[in-house]
N, C-alpha and C. Protein backbone atom coordinates (compact mmCIF):
# COMPACT_ATOMS: atom_id res chain seq x y z
N UNK A 1 -8.61 -14.47 38.09
CA UNK A 1 -7.44 -13.94 37.38
C UNK A 1 -7.61 -12.30 37.61
N UNK A 2 -6.44 -11.78 38.10
CA UNK A 2 -6.29 -10.25 38.30
C UNK A 2 -6.18 -9.70 36.98
N UNK A 3 -6.69 -8.33 37.08
CA UNK A 3 -6.78 -7.64 35.95
C UNK A 3 -5.62 -6.89 35.47
N UNK A 4 -5.41 -6.99 34.13
CA UNK A 4 -4.07 -6.39 33.60
C UNK A 4 -4.05 -4.83 34.04
N UNK A 5 -3.19 -4.22 34.67
CA UNK A 5 -3.45 -2.60 34.81
C UNK A 5 -2.62 -1.84 33.90
N UNK A 6 -3.44 -0.92 32.98
CA UNK A 6 -2.92 -0.19 32.02
C UNK A 6 -2.70 1.17 32.68
N UNK A 7 -1.71 1.79 32.28
CA UNK A 7 -1.52 3.32 32.36
C UNK A 7 -1.38 3.79 30.96
N UNK A 8 -2.28 4.81 30.81
CA UNK A 8 -2.26 5.42 29.37
C UNK A 8 -1.93 6.95 29.47
N UNK A 9 -0.93 7.14 28.93
CA UNK A 9 -0.40 8.51 28.90
C UNK A 9 -0.48 9.29 27.73
N UNK A 10 -1.18 10.51 27.93
CA UNK A 10 -1.69 11.75 26.90
C UNK A 10 -1.13 12.82 26.90
N UNK A 11 -1.52 13.72 26.02
CA UNK A 11 -1.00 15.11 26.09
C UNK A 11 -2.50 16.06 25.46
N UNK A 12 -3.55 15.43 25.15
CA UNK A 12 -4.56 16.21 24.22
C UNK A 12 -5.82 15.59 24.55
N UNK A 13 -6.56 15.43 23.49
CA UNK A 13 -8.17 15.24 23.56
C UNK A 13 -8.40 13.73 24.20
N UNK A 14 -7.42 12.72 23.97
CA UNK A 14 -7.66 11.58 24.43
C UNK A 14 -8.65 10.73 23.67
N UNK A 15 -8.56 10.73 22.26
CA UNK A 15 -9.56 10.00 21.62
C UNK A 15 -9.16 8.75 21.48
N UNK A 16 -7.68 8.36 21.30
CA UNK A 16 -7.40 6.99 21.37
C UNK A 16 -7.76 6.44 22.94
N UNK A 17 -7.34 7.40 24.05
CA UNK A 17 -7.58 6.85 25.24
C UNK A 17 -9.15 6.41 25.24
N UNK A 18 -10.06 7.02 24.67
CA UNK A 18 -11.49 6.58 24.83
C UNK A 18 -11.60 5.13 24.01
N UNK A 19 -10.86 5.16 22.90
CA UNK A 19 -11.00 3.89 22.14
C UNK A 19 -10.70 2.62 23.00
N UNK A 20 -9.65 2.97 23.84
CA UNK A 20 -9.06 1.87 24.72
C UNK A 20 -10.07 1.57 25.81
N UNK A 21 -10.79 2.49 26.25
CA UNK A 21 -11.57 2.51 27.30
C UNK A 21 -12.88 1.74 26.98
N UNK A 22 -13.42 2.20 25.81
CA UNK A 22 -14.50 1.45 25.09
C UNK A 22 -14.25 -0.01 24.84
N UNK A 23 -12.85 -0.27 24.40
CA UNK A 23 -12.60 -1.78 23.91
C UNK A 23 -12.51 -2.58 25.25
N UNK A 24 -12.09 -2.00 26.43
CA UNK A 24 -11.98 -2.56 27.62
C UNK A 24 -13.35 -2.94 27.89
N UNK A 25 -14.30 -2.01 28.16
CA UNK A 25 -15.64 -1.88 28.65
C UNK A 25 -16.46 -2.90 27.87
N UNK A 26 -16.24 -3.18 26.62
CA UNK A 26 -16.93 -3.84 25.72
C UNK A 26 -16.75 -5.49 25.83
N UNK A 27 -15.40 -5.67 26.27
CA UNK A 27 -15.00 -7.09 26.42
C UNK A 27 -14.03 -7.34 25.23
N UNK A 28 -13.67 -6.67 24.27
CA UNK A 28 -12.86 -6.77 23.17
C UNK A 28 -11.47 -7.09 23.75
N UNK A 29 -10.87 -6.01 24.57
CA UNK A 29 -9.88 -6.24 25.35
C UNK A 29 -10.45 -6.94 26.93
N UNK A 30 -10.00 -8.33 26.98
CA UNK A 30 -10.42 -8.71 28.19
C UNK A 30 -9.28 -8.79 29.18
N UNK A 31 -10.16 -8.93 30.43
CA UNK A 31 -9.04 -9.03 31.77
C UNK A 31 -8.01 -7.84 31.89
N UNK A 32 -8.57 -6.80 31.53
CA UNK A 32 -7.71 -5.53 31.60
C UNK A 32 -8.55 -4.24 31.98
N UNK A 33 -7.91 -3.46 32.83
CA UNK A 33 -8.52 -2.07 33.07
C UNK A 33 -7.60 -0.99 32.80
N UNK A 34 -8.12 0.38 32.52
CA UNK A 34 -7.10 1.30 32.54
C UNK A 34 -7.07 1.79 33.79
N UNK A 35 -6.15 1.60 34.62
CA UNK A 35 -6.19 1.95 35.98
C UNK A 35 -5.58 3.31 36.12
N UNK A 36 -4.99 4.18 35.21
CA UNK A 36 -4.34 5.29 35.30
C UNK A 36 -4.27 6.15 34.27
N UNK A 37 -4.49 7.22 34.18
CA UNK A 37 -4.14 8.24 33.10
C UNK A 37 -3.57 9.35 33.46
N UNK A 38 -2.31 9.48 32.66
CA UNK A 38 -1.46 10.51 33.02
C UNK A 38 -1.25 11.42 31.80
N UNK A 39 -1.24 12.72 32.15
CA UNK A 39 -0.90 13.68 31.16
C UNK A 39 0.24 14.51 31.30
N UNK A 40 1.01 15.01 30.61
CA UNK A 40 2.05 15.83 30.66
C UNK A 40 1.74 17.26 30.53
N UNK A 41 0.32 17.54 30.25
CA UNK A 41 -0.16 18.89 29.98
C UNK A 41 -1.41 19.23 30.86
N UNK A 42 -1.23 20.09 31.56
CA UNK A 42 -2.54 20.71 32.39
C UNK A 42 -3.82 20.98 31.27
N UNK A 43 -4.92 20.54 31.90
CA UNK A 43 -6.04 20.96 30.54
C UNK A 43 -6.32 19.90 29.73
N UNK A 44 -5.45 18.85 29.61
CA UNK A 44 -5.82 17.94 28.34
C UNK A 44 -7.27 17.32 28.56
N UNK A 45 -7.88 17.46 27.51
CA UNK A 45 -9.18 16.69 27.52
C UNK A 45 -9.29 15.36 28.02
N UNK A 46 -8.39 14.80 27.77
CA UNK A 46 -8.17 13.28 28.11
C UNK A 46 -8.37 12.97 29.48
N UNK A 47 -8.04 14.09 30.23
CA UNK A 47 -8.19 13.96 31.72
C UNK A 47 -9.58 13.69 32.24
N UNK A 48 -10.33 14.82 31.31
CA UNK A 48 -11.78 14.62 31.73
C UNK A 48 -12.36 13.30 31.43
N UNK A 49 -12.02 12.77 30.07
CA UNK A 49 -12.56 11.46 29.93
C UNK A 49 -12.21 10.42 30.88
N UNK A 50 -11.04 10.61 31.67
CA UNK A 50 -10.83 9.54 32.89
C UNK A 50 -11.64 10.03 33.78
N UNK A 51 -11.80 11.09 34.18
CA UNK A 51 -12.51 11.70 35.28
C UNK A 51 -14.27 11.09 35.15
N UNK A 52 -14.51 11.06 34.06
CA UNK A 52 -15.93 10.65 33.92
C UNK A 52 -16.12 9.05 34.10
N UNK A 53 -14.93 8.49 33.96
CA UNK A 53 -15.03 7.08 34.26
C UNK A 53 -14.43 6.80 35.54
N UNK A 54 -14.30 7.64 36.32
CA UNK A 54 -13.84 7.63 37.87
C UNK A 54 -12.40 6.83 37.71
N UNK A 55 -11.61 7.07 36.62
CA UNK A 55 -10.22 6.82 36.70
C UNK A 55 -9.27 7.63 37.14
N UNK A 56 -8.49 7.21 38.19
CA UNK A 56 -7.27 8.13 38.56
C UNK A 56 -6.61 8.65 37.52
N UNK A 57 -6.43 9.96 37.70
CA UNK A 57 -5.79 10.60 36.63
C UNK A 57 -4.81 12.01 37.18
N UNK A 58 -3.91 12.30 36.68
CA UNK A 58 -3.01 13.45 37.16
C UNK A 58 -2.12 13.87 35.92
N UNK A 59 -1.39 15.14 36.40
CA UNK A 59 -0.54 15.76 35.43
C UNK A 59 1.02 15.23 35.90
N UNK A 60 1.87 14.76 35.26
CA UNK A 60 3.04 14.75 35.81
C UNK A 60 4.10 15.30 34.88
N UNK A 61 4.93 16.29 34.96
CA UNK A 61 5.87 16.80 34.02
C UNK A 61 6.82 15.87 33.50
N UNK A 62 7.25 16.19 32.32
CA UNK A 62 8.06 15.25 31.53
C UNK A 62 9.39 14.93 32.28
N UNK A 63 9.79 15.86 32.87
CA UNK A 63 11.19 15.80 33.61
C UNK A 63 11.07 15.18 34.92
N UNK A 64 9.77 14.87 35.48
CA UNK A 64 9.76 14.34 36.66
C UNK A 64 9.81 12.70 36.67
N UNK A 65 10.98 12.34 36.62
CA UNK A 65 11.09 10.79 36.35
C UNK A 65 10.88 10.11 37.41
N UNK A 66 11.37 10.38 38.69
CA UNK A 66 11.18 9.76 39.96
C UNK A 66 9.70 9.78 40.54
N UNK A 67 8.82 10.94 39.89
CA UNK A 67 7.59 10.92 40.31
C UNK A 67 6.53 9.88 39.36
N UNK A 68 7.10 9.86 38.26
CA UNK A 68 6.34 8.96 37.10
C UNK A 68 6.69 7.69 37.55
N UNK A 69 7.73 7.13 37.89
CA UNK A 69 8.05 5.90 38.23
C UNK A 69 7.57 5.41 39.38
N UNK A 70 7.59 6.22 40.44
CA UNK A 70 7.08 6.03 41.67
C UNK A 70 5.36 5.96 41.54
N UNK A 71 4.79 6.48 40.80
CA UNK A 71 3.35 6.46 40.62
C UNK A 71 2.90 5.34 39.97
N UNK A 72 3.77 4.97 38.77
CA UNK A 72 3.46 3.97 38.13
C UNK A 72 3.47 2.68 39.08
N UNK A 73 4.45 2.40 39.73
CA UNK A 73 4.61 1.55 40.77
C UNK A 73 3.28 1.41 41.74
N UNK A 74 3.05 2.68 42.32
CA UNK A 74 2.23 2.71 43.51
C UNK A 74 0.73 2.26 42.88
N UNK A 75 0.60 2.09 41.63
CA UNK A 75 -0.76 1.91 41.13
C UNK A 75 -0.77 0.48 40.50
N UNK A 76 0.58 -0.07 40.74
CA UNK A 76 0.61 -1.61 40.37
C UNK A 76 0.55 -1.92 38.62
N UNK A 77 1.16 -0.91 38.11
CA UNK A 77 1.02 -0.63 36.67
C UNK A 77 1.53 -2.03 35.94
N UNK A 78 1.12 -2.82 34.84
CA UNK A 78 1.78 -3.85 34.25
C UNK A 78 2.21 -3.33 32.66
N UNK A 79 1.57 -2.44 32.37
CA UNK A 79 2.05 -1.94 30.70
C UNK A 79 1.50 -0.72 30.66
N UNK A 80 2.06 0.14 29.66
CA UNK A 80 1.76 1.47 29.36
C UNK A 80 1.57 1.72 27.87
N UNK A 81 0.64 2.44 27.66
CA UNK A 81 0.13 3.06 26.41
C UNK A 81 0.39 4.57 26.20
N UNK A 82 1.09 4.81 25.18
CA UNK A 82 1.45 6.25 24.85
C UNK A 82 0.14 6.39 23.68
N UNK A 83 -0.73 7.04 24.08
CA UNK A 83 -1.92 7.47 23.21
C UNK A 83 -1.98 8.98 22.89
N UNK A 84 -1.09 9.51 21.97
CA UNK A 84 -1.09 10.82 21.84
C UNK A 84 -0.27 11.70 22.84
N UNK A 85 0.94 10.98 23.25
CA UNK A 85 1.70 11.49 24.31
C UNK A 85 2.88 12.38 23.75
N UNK A 86 2.72 13.45 23.64
CA UNK A 86 3.92 14.24 22.78
C UNK A 86 4.96 14.65 23.75
N UNK A 87 5.68 13.72 24.03
CA UNK A 87 6.89 13.82 24.77
C UNK A 87 7.76 12.61 24.60
N UNK A 88 9.08 12.61 24.89
CA UNK A 88 9.86 11.62 24.77
C UNK A 88 9.87 10.83 26.31
N UNK A 89 9.56 9.65 26.39
CA UNK A 89 9.48 8.90 27.65
C UNK A 89 10.83 8.79 28.04
N UNK A 90 11.04 9.07 29.46
CA UNK A 90 12.61 9.00 30.07
C UNK A 90 12.94 7.33 29.86
N UNK A 91 14.39 7.40 29.46
CA UNK A 91 14.96 5.96 29.31
C UNK A 91 14.65 5.16 30.49
N UNK A 92 14.70 5.68 31.77
CA UNK A 92 14.59 5.03 32.97
C UNK A 92 13.28 4.23 33.04
N UNK A 93 12.28 4.94 32.42
CA UNK A 93 10.91 4.15 32.47
C UNK A 93 10.71 3.30 31.38
N UNK A 94 11.38 3.42 30.11
CA UNK A 94 11.48 2.40 29.19
C UNK A 94 12.25 1.11 29.61
N UNK A 95 13.22 1.36 30.59
CA UNK A 95 14.08 0.27 31.00
C UNK A 95 13.31 -0.54 31.95
N UNK A 96 12.68 0.30 32.94
CA UNK A 96 11.64 -0.64 33.82
C UNK A 96 10.67 -1.27 32.98
N UNK A 97 9.98 -0.94 32.02
CA UNK A 97 8.75 -1.48 31.35
C UNK A 97 9.23 -1.90 30.04
N UNK A 98 10.33 -2.49 30.05
CA UNK A 98 10.98 -2.87 28.68
C UNK A 98 9.91 -4.04 27.99
N UNK A 99 9.57 -3.82 26.75
CA UNK A 99 8.60 -4.56 26.15
C UNK A 99 7.20 -4.49 26.57
N UNK A 100 6.85 -3.74 27.36
CA UNK A 100 5.47 -3.58 28.05
C UNK A 100 4.94 -1.98 27.65
N UNK A 101 5.50 -1.23 26.77
CA UNK A 101 5.04 -0.12 26.40
C UNK A 101 4.64 0.10 24.93
N UNK A 102 3.65 0.50 24.56
CA UNK A 102 2.93 0.64 23.40
C UNK A 102 2.87 2.01 22.80
N UNK A 103 3.29 2.34 21.87
CA UNK A 103 3.13 3.55 21.37
C UNK A 103 2.27 3.59 20.01
N UNK A 104 1.18 5.01 19.80
CA UNK A 104 0.75 4.91 18.45
C UNK A 104 1.44 6.03 17.74
N UNK A 105 1.62 5.92 16.21
CA UNK A 105 2.26 7.07 15.59
C UNK A 105 1.52 7.09 14.25
N UNK A 106 1.27 8.34 13.88
CA UNK A 106 0.41 8.36 12.56
C UNK A 106 1.05 8.53 11.26
N UNK A 107 1.84 7.61 10.98
CA UNK A 107 2.57 7.23 9.88
C UNK A 107 2.93 5.66 9.70
N UNK A 108 2.97 5.47 8.51
CA UNK A 108 3.56 3.98 8.28
C UNK A 108 5.06 3.98 8.54
N UNK A 109 5.52 3.67 9.91
CA UNK A 109 6.86 3.64 10.27
C UNK A 109 7.43 2.40 9.56
N UNK A 110 8.64 2.39 9.27
CA UNK A 110 9.84 3.33 9.75
C UNK A 110 9.69 5.08 8.85
N UNK A 111 8.97 4.90 7.85
CA UNK A 111 8.62 6.10 7.20
C UNK A 111 8.02 7.27 8.10
N UNK A 112 8.36 8.51 7.98
CA UNK A 112 7.93 9.63 8.37
C UNK A 112 7.77 9.38 10.18
N UNK A 113 8.90 8.96 10.72
CA UNK A 113 9.07 8.73 12.19
C UNK A 113 10.27 9.55 12.48
N UNK A 114 10.38 9.76 14.09
CA UNK A 114 11.54 10.30 14.84
C UNK A 114 11.35 11.69 14.97
N UNK A 115 12.58 12.33 15.50
CA UNK A 115 12.49 13.61 16.08
C UNK A 115 11.71 14.66 14.89
N UNK A 116 10.79 15.36 15.43
CA UNK A 116 10.14 16.19 14.60
C UNK A 116 8.92 15.95 13.63
N UNK A 117 8.93 14.74 13.77
CA UNK A 117 7.53 14.05 13.04
C UNK A 117 6.43 13.75 14.20
N UNK A 118 5.56 14.75 14.14
CA UNK A 118 4.63 14.43 15.36
C UNK A 118 3.54 15.49 14.65
N UNK A 119 2.09 15.14 14.96
CA UNK A 119 1.00 15.71 14.51
C UNK A 119 0.83 16.13 13.16
N UNK A 120 0.30 17.39 12.83
CA UNK A 120 0.20 17.70 11.30
C UNK A 120 1.29 17.48 10.54
N UNK A 121 2.51 17.62 11.25
CA UNK A 121 3.90 17.91 10.39
C UNK A 121 4.07 16.36 9.74
N UNK A 122 3.58 15.44 10.40
CA UNK A 122 3.59 13.93 9.79
C UNK A 122 2.86 14.15 8.38
N UNK A 123 1.76 14.40 8.46
CA UNK A 123 0.64 14.64 7.35
C UNK A 123 1.23 15.50 6.10
N UNK A 124 1.55 16.43 6.44
CA UNK A 124 2.15 17.27 5.61
C UNK A 124 3.34 16.79 4.79
N UNK A 125 4.23 16.04 5.61
CA UNK A 125 5.47 15.47 5.00
C UNK A 125 4.90 14.11 4.05
N UNK A 126 3.81 13.47 4.33
CA UNK A 126 3.43 12.38 3.64
C UNK A 126 2.95 13.09 2.32
N UNK A 127 1.90 14.09 2.26
CA UNK A 127 1.60 14.68 1.07
C UNK A 127 2.60 15.23 0.12
N UNK A 128 3.81 15.72 0.98
CA UNK A 128 4.87 16.17 0.15
C UNK A 128 5.59 15.32 -0.70
N UNK A 129 5.49 14.02 -0.19
CA UNK A 129 6.41 12.91 -0.44
C UNK A 129 5.61 12.13 -1.86
N UNK A 130 4.40 12.65 -2.00
CA UNK A 130 3.70 11.83 -2.97
C UNK A 130 3.41 10.46 -2.76
N UNK A 131 3.57 9.97 -1.67
CA UNK A 131 3.04 8.66 -1.20
C UNK A 131 1.51 8.37 -1.58
N UNK A 132 1.08 7.14 -2.01
CA UNK A 132 -0.30 6.91 -2.41
C UNK A 132 -0.94 6.31 -1.29
N UNK A 133 -0.39 5.88 0.06
CA UNK A 133 -1.01 5.37 1.07
C UNK A 133 -0.18 6.13 2.30
N UNK A 134 -1.07 6.10 3.55
CA UNK A 134 -0.66 6.59 4.76
C UNK A 134 -1.14 5.76 5.60
N UNK A 135 -1.22 6.03 6.81
CA UNK A 135 -1.65 5.32 7.91
C UNK A 135 -1.09 5.62 9.27
N UNK A 136 -1.36 4.45 10.30
CA UNK A 136 -0.73 4.61 11.73
C UNK A 136 -0.15 3.35 11.95
N UNK A 137 0.90 3.43 12.69
CA UNK A 137 1.57 2.42 13.21
C UNK A 137 1.49 2.20 14.90
N UNK A 138 1.16 1.06 15.57
CA UNK A 138 1.41 0.84 16.93
C UNK A 138 2.65 0.06 16.87
N UNK A 139 3.53 0.62 17.97
CA UNK A 139 4.69 -0.20 17.88
C UNK A 139 5.37 -0.26 19.41
N UNK A 140 6.15 -1.13 19.73
CA UNK A 140 7.05 -1.18 20.96
C UNK A 140 7.83 0.04 20.90
N UNK A 141 8.01 0.63 22.24
CA UNK A 141 8.77 1.72 22.68
C UNK A 141 10.08 1.20 22.95
N UNK A 142 11.15 1.71 22.30
CA UNK A 142 12.49 1.44 23.00
C UNK A 142 13.24 2.56 23.24
N UNK A 143 14.56 2.57 22.94
CA UNK A 143 15.34 3.65 23.64
C UNK A 143 15.53 5.00 22.48
N UNK A 144 15.06 4.49 21.28
CA UNK A 144 15.15 5.29 20.19
C UNK A 144 13.63 6.17 20.11
N UNK A 145 13.71 6.95 19.15
CA UNK A 145 12.37 7.69 18.71
C UNK A 145 11.51 7.23 17.62
N UNK A 146 10.50 6.38 17.78
CA UNK A 146 9.64 6.00 16.74
C UNK A 146 10.43 4.72 16.16
N UNK A 147 11.38 4.05 17.02
CA UNK A 147 12.21 2.99 16.33
C UNK A 147 11.91 1.48 16.81
N UNK A 148 11.06 1.29 17.69
CA UNK A 148 10.75 0.02 18.19
C UNK A 148 9.91 -0.66 17.11
N UNK A 149 9.90 -1.90 17.54
CA UNK A 149 9.32 -3.04 16.38
C UNK A 149 7.92 -2.74 16.36
N UNK A 150 7.35 -2.80 15.00
CA UNK A 150 5.94 -2.68 14.73
C UNK A 150 5.25 -3.63 15.30
N UNK A 151 3.95 -3.37 15.42
CA UNK A 151 2.88 -4.51 15.94
C UNK A 151 1.88 -4.60 14.99
N UNK A 152 1.26 -3.38 14.78
CA UNK A 152 0.21 -3.24 13.89
C UNK A 152 0.27 -2.03 13.02
N UNK A 153 0.02 -2.29 11.78
CA UNK A 153 -0.14 -1.01 10.85
C UNK A 153 -1.48 -0.84 10.39
N UNK A 154 -2.12 0.48 10.28
CA UNK A 154 -3.30 0.57 9.51
C UNK A 154 -2.99 1.41 8.35
N UNK A 155 -3.50 1.05 7.24
CA UNK A 155 -3.49 1.80 6.05
C UNK A 155 -4.83 2.36 5.51
N UNK A 156 -4.33 3.58 5.15
CA UNK A 156 -5.62 4.51 4.20
C UNK A 156 -4.91 4.97 3.07
N UNK A 157 -5.85 5.37 2.11
CA UNK A 157 -5.52 5.75 0.88
C UNK A 157 -5.05 7.33 0.86
N UNK A 158 -4.16 8.09 0.30
CA UNK A 158 -4.14 9.55 0.15
C UNK A 158 -4.82 9.64 -1.10
N UNK A 159 -5.84 10.74 -0.88
CA UNK A 159 -6.69 11.24 -2.05
C UNK A 159 -5.84 12.34 -2.76
N UNK A 160 -6.42 12.57 -3.87
CA UNK A 160 -5.89 13.56 -4.99
C UNK A 160 -6.16 15.03 -4.28
N UNK A 161 -7.07 15.26 -3.50
CA UNK A 161 -7.56 16.39 -3.00
C UNK A 161 -7.22 16.58 -1.40
N UNK A 162 -6.41 15.67 -1.04
CA UNK A 162 -6.32 15.69 0.42
C UNK A 162 -5.62 17.08 0.73
N UNK A 163 -5.86 17.54 1.93
CA UNK A 163 -4.90 18.41 2.77
C UNK A 163 -4.70 17.66 3.76
N UNK A 164 -3.63 18.28 4.53
CA UNK A 164 -2.84 17.76 5.77
C UNK A 164 -3.98 17.25 6.80
N UNK A 165 -5.08 18.23 6.86
CA UNK A 165 -6.16 18.16 7.98
C UNK A 165 -6.85 16.99 7.54
N UNK A 166 -7.23 16.82 6.23
CA UNK A 166 -8.36 15.64 5.81
C UNK A 166 -7.44 14.42 5.94
N UNK A 167 -6.27 14.43 5.60
CA UNK A 167 -5.55 13.19 5.75
C UNK A 167 -5.52 12.49 7.17
N UNK A 168 -5.33 14.03 8.00
CA UNK A 168 -5.25 13.50 9.64
C UNK A 168 -6.29 13.04 9.99
N UNK A 169 -7.61 13.39 9.61
CA UNK A 169 -8.76 12.74 10.02
C UNK A 169 -8.82 11.19 9.55
N UNK A 170 -8.49 11.02 8.43
CA UNK A 170 -8.63 9.70 7.91
C UNK A 170 -7.98 8.84 8.50
N UNK A 171 -6.44 9.25 8.89
CA UNK A 171 -5.72 8.43 9.77
C UNK A 171 -6.13 8.21 10.91
N UNK A 172 -6.60 9.14 11.63
CA UNK A 172 -6.94 9.08 13.23
C UNK A 172 -8.10 7.87 13.20
N UNK A 173 -8.93 7.82 12.16
CA UNK A 173 -10.10 6.86 12.21
C UNK A 173 -9.49 5.40 12.19
N UNK A 174 -8.47 5.05 11.68
CA UNK A 174 -7.68 3.93 11.60
C UNK A 174 -6.69 3.54 12.77
N UNK A 175 -6.26 4.91 13.36
CA UNK A 175 -5.39 4.83 14.58
C UNK A 175 -6.26 4.02 15.71
N UNK A 176 -7.31 4.26 15.90
CA UNK A 176 -8.01 3.87 16.95
C UNK A 176 -8.19 2.35 16.91
N UNK A 177 -8.40 1.82 15.78
CA UNK A 177 -8.44 0.40 15.61
C UNK A 177 -6.95 -0.31 15.73
N UNK A 178 -5.87 0.25 15.09
CA UNK A 178 -4.65 -0.17 15.27
C UNK A 178 -4.33 -0.14 16.53
N UNK A 179 -4.46 0.82 17.35
CA UNK A 179 -3.93 0.81 18.99
C UNK A 179 -4.68 -0.27 19.59
N UNK A 180 -5.88 -0.34 19.54
CA UNK A 180 -6.81 -1.35 20.28
C UNK A 180 -6.09 -2.44 20.02
N UNK A 181 -6.06 -2.89 18.81
CA UNK A 181 -5.37 -4.25 18.54
C UNK A 181 -4.11 -4.44 19.11
N UNK A 182 -3.17 -3.62 19.23
CA UNK A 182 -1.96 -3.69 19.75
C UNK A 182 -1.88 -3.63 21.44
N UNK A 183 -2.80 -2.96 21.72
CA UNK A 183 -3.13 -3.10 23.37
C UNK A 183 -3.75 -4.37 23.69
N UNK A 184 -4.62 -5.02 22.97
CA UNK A 184 -4.99 -6.37 23.02
C UNK A 184 -4.09 -7.38 23.29
N UNK A 185 -3.12 -7.23 22.00
CA UNK A 185 -1.91 -8.18 22.13
C UNK A 185 -0.97 -7.88 23.09
N UNK A 186 -0.79 -6.83 23.84
CA UNK A 186 -0.21 -6.43 25.09
C UNK A 186 -0.71 -7.11 26.18
N UNK A 187 -1.78 -7.17 26.42
CA UNK A 187 -2.65 -7.71 27.34
C UNK A 187 -2.72 -9.28 27.49
N UNK A 188 -2.78 -9.74 26.13
CA UNK A 188 -2.58 -11.33 25.84
C UNK A 188 -1.33 -11.89 25.69
N UNK A 189 -0.42 -11.11 25.94
CA UNK A 189 0.83 -11.76 25.76
C UNK A 189 1.38 -12.14 24.45
N UNK A 190 0.86 -11.53 23.53
CA UNK A 190 1.20 -11.77 22.08
C UNK A 190 2.02 -11.04 21.33
N UNK A 191 2.81 -10.16 22.25
CA UNK A 191 3.70 -8.94 21.60
C UNK A 191 4.70 -9.57 20.72
N UNK A 192 5.38 -10.74 20.94
CA UNK A 192 6.21 -11.19 20.37
C UNK A 192 6.01 -11.83 19.09
N UNK A 193 4.64 -12.32 19.17
CA UNK A 193 4.10 -12.92 17.87
C UNK A 193 3.86 -11.83 16.88
N UNK A 194 3.49 -10.85 17.14
CA UNK A 194 3.48 -9.50 16.11
C UNK A 194 4.56 -8.85 15.84
N UNK A 195 5.78 -8.86 16.83
CA UNK A 195 6.98 -8.58 16.33
C UNK A 195 7.62 -8.99 14.90
N UNK A 196 7.29 -10.54 15.18
CA UNK A 196 7.86 -11.46 14.13
C UNK A 196 6.92 -11.31 12.80
N UNK A 197 5.63 -10.83 12.86
CA UNK A 197 4.78 -10.60 11.84
C UNK A 197 3.68 -9.67 12.10
N UNK A 198 4.07 -8.18 11.75
CA UNK A 198 3.00 -7.40 12.24
C UNK A 198 1.77 -7.60 11.45
N UNK A 199 0.73 -7.12 12.15
CA UNK A 199 -0.66 -7.38 11.31
C UNK A 199 -0.83 -6.15 10.60
N UNK A 200 -1.83 -6.09 9.73
CA UNK A 200 -2.13 -4.96 8.73
C UNK A 200 -3.71 -4.87 8.74
N UNK A 201 -4.07 -3.57 9.13
CA UNK A 201 -5.42 -3.14 8.92
C UNK A 201 -5.70 -2.45 7.62
N UNK A 202 -6.39 -2.63 6.77
CA UNK A 202 -6.45 -1.71 5.51
C UNK A 202 -7.89 -1.10 5.60
N UNK A 203 -8.04 0.45 5.58
CA UNK A 203 -9.34 0.89 5.77
C UNK A 203 -9.61 1.54 4.50
N UNK A 204 -10.42 1.23 3.54
CA UNK A 204 -10.82 2.12 2.51
C UNK A 204 -9.81 1.99 1.28
N UNK A 205 -9.05 0.96 1.21
CA UNK A 205 -8.10 0.59 0.16
C UNK A 205 -8.49 -0.18 -0.82
N UNK A 206 -8.30 0.00 -2.11
CA UNK A 206 -8.44 -0.74 -3.07
C UNK A 206 -7.24 -1.97 -3.07
N UNK A 207 -8.00 -3.20 -3.21
CA UNK A 207 -7.04 -4.66 -2.82
C UNK A 207 -5.71 -4.57 -3.54
N UNK A 208 -6.10 -4.42 -4.91
CA UNK A 208 -5.23 -4.60 -6.15
C UNK A 208 -3.80 -3.49 -5.73
N UNK A 209 -4.36 -2.25 -5.78
CA UNK A 209 -3.26 -1.21 -5.24
C UNK A 209 -2.61 -1.51 -3.95
N UNK A 210 -3.42 -1.93 -2.73
CA UNK A 210 -2.68 -2.08 -1.63
C UNK A 210 -1.74 -3.19 -1.77
N UNK A 211 -2.00 -4.22 -2.42
CA UNK A 211 -1.26 -5.47 -2.80
C UNK A 211 0.23 -5.00 -3.32
N UNK A 212 -0.07 -4.14 -4.47
CA UNK A 212 1.09 -3.73 -4.94
C UNK A 212 2.09 -2.87 -4.21
N UNK A 213 1.38 -1.87 -3.38
CA UNK A 213 2.09 -1.19 -2.40
C UNK A 213 2.69 -1.93 -1.53
N UNK A 214 2.10 -2.91 -0.96
CA UNK A 214 2.55 -3.71 0.19
C UNK A 214 3.93 -4.32 -0.06
N UNK A 215 3.75 -4.87 -1.57
CA UNK A 215 4.94 -5.45 -2.22
C UNK A 215 6.03 -4.65 -2.29
N UNK A 216 5.86 -3.39 -2.67
CA UNK A 216 7.01 -2.48 -2.91
C UNK A 216 7.74 -2.13 -1.67
N UNK A 217 6.70 -1.93 -0.65
CA UNK A 217 7.15 -1.61 0.75
C UNK A 217 8.08 -2.64 1.48
N UNK A 218 7.57 -3.94 1.01
CA UNK A 218 8.41 -4.96 1.71
C UNK A 218 9.97 -5.02 0.93
N UNK A 219 9.81 -4.75 -0.22
CA UNK A 219 11.01 -5.06 -1.12
C UNK A 219 12.11 -3.79 -0.62
N UNK A 220 11.78 -2.80 -0.04
CA UNK A 220 12.46 -1.61 0.50
C UNK A 220 12.69 -2.23 1.96
N UNK A 221 12.37 -3.26 2.35
CA UNK A 221 12.80 -3.54 3.69
C UNK A 221 12.14 -2.89 4.86
N UNK A 222 10.75 -2.43 4.57
CA UNK A 222 10.14 -1.60 5.41
C UNK A 222 8.89 -2.47 6.04
N UNK A 223 8.60 -3.66 5.66
CA UNK A 223 7.67 -4.32 6.26
C UNK A 223 8.32 -5.68 7.02
N UNK A 224 8.29 -6.01 8.16
CA UNK A 224 8.88 -7.08 9.09
C UNK A 224 8.33 -8.47 8.26
């Protein structure tokens, strides 16, 4: 069986990239390899992570659509993972790889998503809202911004003494789990299954409180 070839696109440190590479190495994600790492920023540490694994890696500017498509095709890429890629993927790429692109967002989508919600801004908005929980969502990329169907959500508690920075660290710990689960589903052809019923990973949450929150969340039409 030929390996499913993943392209992971990053903009920064690449901790989610590391989680995917580790999951493939351990066999948790079977019959797949990170075949290519692309950054839209020079000097992104994720490129170093790729280099240490001898994975082809390069910088491609966000406006170089033809170059990006040509590169993906030349490496025989089957699916794309946006792992902290802080740019909007060109619609031409979304069209070619329709249903085969997964993104990770540091919030419980559809809340705190869309234009302007990225990085520390997301966590500041969550704290300002008074929400008792936050988390991360892995979703399919479509033509909108953070509007694609959710696949996996990871939930963490918001603590009374949280800063945006401390909340960000707690969300990051569940991000890795969420993204790896979604990539595993992508490789195994289970995306449609999760679109119908996204899975939830609860990290450090009281079961009763989480159950109540999930029910309220569902009543608002925010859990599929």
